[in-house]
Amino acid sequence: MGREQESMGCMMRDALVRFEEFQAASLHEREFVEIARVLKSLAGELGLQNDPVLDELANHGVGAALDLLCRASGSNVSGAYVRHRSR
């Protein structure tokens, strides 16, 4: 009986760990989608194509995508990014 309980406890812990990993991955995915939405909106406001910005996000992260927007627009877009994110 002790081994069965121990085995059941291990299975429950494994299930909990998997569930927590799933939740974390889902949160990261939603966060990425939100960041992409904001960057796409900013690119549109600046009259820039959004595909290069989204490619930069996917390949190098949000900082690189913001740098690309800054270089392409000639202005600092960090403040605008923060404002969009707070909406």
N, C-alpha and C. Protein backbone atom coordinates (compact mmCIF):
# COMPACT_ATOMS: atom_id res chain seq x y z
N MET A 1 0.81 -1.19 0.00
CA MET A 1 0.00 0.00 0.00
C MET A 1 0.86 1.26 0.00
N GLY A 2 1.99 1.24 0.67
CA GLY A 2 2.85 2.40 0.75
C GLY A 2 3.42 2.78 -0.61
N ARG A 3 3.81 1.77 -1.40
CA ARG A 3 4.35 2.05 -2.73
C ARG A 3 3.29 2.63 -3.65
N GLU A 4 2.07 2.15 -3.52
CA GLU A 4 0.99 2.66 -4.36
C GLU A 4 0.72 4.13 -4.04
N GLN A 5 0.72 4.47 -2.77
CA GLN A 5 0.50 5.85 -2.38
C GLN A 5 1.65 6.73 -2.85
N GLU A 6 2.87 6.20 -2.72
CA GLU A 6 4.04 6.96 -3.17
C GLU A 6 3.98 7.18 -4.68
N SER A 7 3.61 6.14 -5.41
CA SER A 7 3.49 6.24 -6.87
C SER A 7 2.40 7.25 -7.25
N MET A 8 1.29 7.22 -6.54
CA MET A 8 0.19 8.16 -6.81
C MET A 8 0.64 9.58 -6.51
N GLY A 9 1.41 9.76 -5.45
CA GLY A 9 1.93 11.07 -5.10
C GLY A 9 2.86 11.60 -6.19
N CYS A 10 3.71 10.73 -6.73
CA CYS A 10 4.61 11.13 -7.82
C CYS A 10 3.82 11.52 -9.06
N MET A 11 2.79 10.76 -9.37
CA MET A 11 1.96 11.06 -10.54
C MET A 11 1.26 12.41 -10.37
N MET A 12 0.79 12.67 -9.17
CA MET A 12 0.11 13.95 -8.90
C MET A 12 1.10 15.11 -9.02
N ARG A 13 2.29 14.94 -8.48
CA ARG A 13 3.31 16.00 -8.59
C ARG A 13 3.68 16.23 -10.04
N ASP A 14 3.86 15.16 -10.82
CA ASP A 14 4.19 15.29 -12.24
C ASP A 14 3.08 16.01 -12.99
N ALA A 15 1.84 15.69 -12.69
CA ALA A 15 0.71 16.35 -13.35
C ALA A 15 0.68 17.83 -13.00
N LEU A 16 0.95 18.15 -11.75
CA LEU A 16 0.96 19.55 -11.32
C LEU A 16 2.07 20.32 -12.03
N VAL A 17 3.25 19.72 -12.12
CA VAL A 17 4.38 20.36 -12.81
C VAL A 17 4.04 20.59 -14.27
N ARG A 18 3.45 19.61 -14.92
CA ARG A 18 3.06 19.77 -16.33
C ARG A 18 2.02 20.87 -16.49
N PHE A 19 1.07 20.92 -15.59
CA PHE A 19 0.04 21.95 -15.65
C PHE A 19 0.67 23.33 -15.48
N GLU A 20 1.58 23.48 -14.53
CA GLU A 20 2.26 24.76 -14.30
C GLU A 20 3.08 25.16 -15.52
N GLU A 21 3.74 24.19 -16.16
CA GLU A 21 4.51 24.48 -17.37
C GLU A 21 3.58 24.92 -18.50
N PHE A 22 2.43 24.28 -18.62
CA PHE A 22 1.45 24.66 -19.63
C PHE A 22 0.95 26.08 -19.39
N GLN A 23 0.65 26.41 -18.14
CA GLN A 23 0.19 27.76 -17.81
C GLN A 23 1.25 28.80 -18.16
N ALA A 24 2.49 28.51 -17.84
CA ALA A 24 3.58 29.45 -18.13
C ALA A 24 3.75 29.64 -19.63
N ALA A 25 3.70 28.57 -20.39
CA ALA A 25 3.83 28.66 -21.84
C ALA A 25 2.68 29.44 -22.44
N SER A 26 1.49 29.22 -21.93
CA SER A 26 0.31 29.93 -22.41
C SER A 26 0.42 31.42 -22.11
N LEU A 27 0.91 31.76 -20.95
CA LEU A 27 1.10 33.17 -20.58
C LEU A 27 2.12 33.83 -21.49
N HIS A 28 3.23 33.13 -21.78
CA HIS A 28 4.25 33.68 -22.67
C HIS A 28 3.69 33.89 -24.07
N GLU A 29 2.88 32.96 -24.52
CA GLU A 29 2.28 33.08 -25.86
C GLU A 29 1.35 34.28 -25.93
N ARG A 30 0.51 34.46 -24.92
CA ARG A 30 -0.40 35.62 -24.90
C ARG A 30 0.38 36.92 -24.82
N GLU A 31 1.46 36.94 -24.06
CA GLU A 31 2.30 38.12 -23.95
C GLU A 31 2.94 38.45 -25.30
N PHE A 32 3.43 37.44 -26.00
CA PHE A 32 4.03 37.66 -27.32
C PHE A 32 3.01 38.22 -28.29
N VAL A 33 1.81 37.69 -28.27
CA VAL A 33 0.74 38.18 -29.16
C VAL A 33 0.42 39.63 -28.84
N GLU A 34 0.37 39.99 -27.58
CA GLU A 34 0.08 41.37 -27.18
C GLU A 34 1.21 42.31 -27.63
N ILE A 35 2.44 41.90 -27.44
CA ILE A 35 3.58 42.72 -27.87
C ILE A 35 3.53 42.91 -29.39
N ALA A 36 3.26 41.84 -30.11
CA ALA A 36 3.17 41.93 -31.58
C ALA A 36 2.06 42.89 -31.99
N ARG A 37 0.93 42.84 -31.31
CA ARG A 37 -0.19 43.72 -31.63
C ARG A 37 0.21 45.18 -31.44
N VAL A 38 0.89 45.48 -30.35
CA VAL A 38 1.32 46.85 -30.07
C VAL A 38 2.33 47.32 -31.11
N LEU A 39 3.31 46.49 -31.42
CA LEU A 39 4.32 46.88 -32.40
C LEU A 39 3.70 47.09 -33.78
N LYS A 40 2.76 46.25 -34.13
CA LYS A 40 2.07 46.40 -35.42
C LYS A 40 1.30 47.71 -35.45
N SER A 41 0.65 48.05 -34.38
CA SER A 41 -0.09 49.30 -34.28
C SER A 41 0.85 50.50 -34.39
N LEU A 42 1.97 50.45 -33.69
CA LEU A 42 2.95 51.53 -33.75
C LEU A 42 3.51 51.70 -35.16
N ALA A 43 3.83 50.60 -35.80
CA ALA A 43 4.36 50.68 -37.17
C ALA A 43 3.33 51.34 -38.08
N GLY A 44 2.07 50.97 -37.93
CA GLY A 44 1.02 51.58 -38.74
C GLY A 44 0.89 53.07 -38.50
N GLU A 45 0.96 53.48 -37.24
CA GLU A 45 0.88 54.90 -36.90
C GLU A 45 2.04 55.69 -37.49
N LEU A 46 3.19 55.04 -37.58
CA LEU A 46 4.37 55.72 -38.11
C LEU A 46 4.47 55.62 -39.63
N GLY A 47 3.48 54.94 -40.24
CA GLY A 47 3.49 54.78 -41.69
C GLY A 47 4.53 53.79 -42.18
N LEU A 48 4.88 52.85 -41.32
CA LEU A 48 5.90 51.86 -41.67
C LEU A 48 5.25 50.49 -41.87
N GLN A 49 5.91 49.66 -42.65
CA GLN A 49 5.43 48.29 -42.83
C GLN A 49 5.67 47.52 -41.53
N ASN A 50 4.71 46.68 -41.18
CA ASN A 50 4.85 45.97 -39.91
C ASN A 50 5.59 44.64 -40.04
N ASP A 51 5.68 44.08 -41.24
CA ASP A 51 6.33 42.77 -41.38
C ASP A 51 7.79 42.77 -40.91
N PRO A 52 8.61 43.76 -41.30
CA PRO A 52 9.99 43.76 -40.80
C PRO A 52 10.07 43.89 -39.27
N VAL A 53 9.14 44.65 -38.69
CA VAL A 53 9.14 44.83 -37.24
C VAL A 53 8.77 43.52 -36.54
N LEU A 54 7.77 42.83 -37.07
CA LEU A 54 7.36 41.56 -36.47
C LEU A 54 8.42 40.49 -36.67
N ASP A 55 9.10 40.52 -37.82
CA ASP A 55 10.22 39.59 -38.03
C ASP A 55 11.33 39.84 -37.00
N GLU A 56 11.62 41.11 -36.75
CA GLU A 56 12.65 41.45 -35.78
C GLU A 56 12.24 40.98 -34.38
N LEU A 57 10.96 41.15 -34.04
CA LEU A 57 10.45 40.67 -32.76
C LEU A 57 10.64 39.16 -32.64
N ALA A 58 10.23 38.44 -33.66
CA ALA A 58 10.30 36.98 -33.61
C ALA A 58 11.73 36.47 -33.54
N ASN A 59 12.64 37.16 -34.23
CA ASN A 59 14.01 36.67 -34.31
C ASN A 59 14.94 37.20 -33.24
N HIS A 60 14.67 38.43 -32.74
CA HIS A 60 15.63 39.05 -31.83
C HIS A 60 15.01 39.68 -30.59
N GLY A 61 13.70 39.70 -30.49
CA GLY A 61 13.05 40.21 -29.28
C GLY A 61 12.51 41.62 -29.42
N VAL A 62 11.81 42.03 -28.38
CA VAL A 62 11.11 43.32 -28.40
C VAL A 62 12.07 44.50 -28.47
N GLY A 63 13.20 44.41 -27.82
CA GLY A 63 14.16 45.51 -27.86
C GLY A 63 14.65 45.78 -29.27
N ALA A 64 14.95 44.72 -30.00
CA ALA A 64 15.41 44.87 -31.38
C ALA A 64 14.30 45.41 -32.27
N ALA A 65 13.06 44.99 -32.03
CA ALA A 65 11.94 45.51 -32.82
C ALA A 65 11.73 46.99 -32.56
N LEU A 66 11.85 47.40 -31.31
CA LEU A 66 11.74 48.83 -30.99
C LEU A 66 12.88 49.62 -31.60
N ASP A 67 14.08 49.07 -31.58
CA ASP A 67 15.22 49.74 -32.22
C ASP A 67 14.97 49.94 -33.70
N LEU A 68 14.42 48.93 -34.34
CA LEU A 68 14.10 49.04 -35.76
C LEU A 68 13.09 50.15 -36.01
N LEU A 69 12.06 50.21 -35.17
CA LEU A 69 11.06 51.28 -35.30
C LEU A 69 11.70 52.65 -35.09
N CYS A 70 12.58 52.75 -34.11
CA CYS A 70 13.26 54.03 -33.85
C CYS A 70 14.10 54.45 -35.05
N ARG A 71 14.88 53.53 -35.58
CA ARG A 71 15.73 53.86 -36.73
C ARG A 71 14.90 54.23 -37.96
N ALA A 72 13.84 53.48 -38.21
CA ALA A 72 13.02 53.71 -39.40
C ALA A 72 12.21 55.00 -39.31
N SER A 73 11.79 55.37 -38.10
CA SER A 73 10.96 56.56 -37.96
C SER A 73 11.76 57.80 -37.62
N GLY A 74 12.98 57.60 -37.13
CA GLY A 74 13.80 58.72 -36.72
C GLY A 74 13.37 59.33 -35.40
N SER A 75 12.57 58.59 -34.64
CA SER A 75 12.13 59.10 -33.34
C SER A 75 12.16 57.99 -32.31
N ASN A 76 12.10 58.38 -31.05
CA ASN A 76 12.08 57.43 -29.95
C ASN A 76 10.64 56.96 -29.75
N VAL A 77 10.40 55.68 -29.94
CA VAL A 77 9.03 55.15 -29.85
C VAL A 77 8.79 54.42 -28.53
N SER A 78 9.77 54.41 -27.66
CA SER A 78 9.62 53.68 -26.39
C SER A 78 8.44 54.18 -25.57
N GLY A 79 8.28 55.50 -25.48
CA GLY A 79 7.16 56.06 -24.73
C GLY A 79 5.83 55.67 -25.33
N ALA A 80 5.75 55.72 -26.66
CA ALA A 80 4.52 55.33 -27.35
C ALA A 80 4.23 53.85 -27.11
N TYR A 81 5.27 53.03 -27.10
CA TYR A 81 5.10 51.61 -26.84
C TYR A 81 4.49 51.38 -25.45
N VAL A 82 5.03 52.06 -24.47
CA VAL A 82 4.52 51.92 -23.09
C VAL A 82 3.06 52.38 -23.02
N ARG A 83 2.74 53.47 -23.67
CA ARG A 83 1.34 53.96 -23.66
C ARG A 83 0.41 52.95 -24.31
N HIS A 84 0.81 52.39 -25.43
CA HIS A 84 -0.02 51.38 -26.11
C HIS A 84 -0.21 50.15 -25.24
N ARG A 85 0.84 49.74 -24.56
CA ARG A 85 0.76 48.54 -23.72
C ARG A 85 -0.19 48.76 -22.55
N SER A 86 -0.30 49.98 -22.07
CA SER A 86 -1.15 50.23 -20.91
C SER A 86 -2.63 50.30 -21.28
N ARG A 87 -2.94 50.36 -22.56
CA ARG A 87 -4.34 50.39 -22.99
C ARG A 87 -5.01 49.06 -22.86
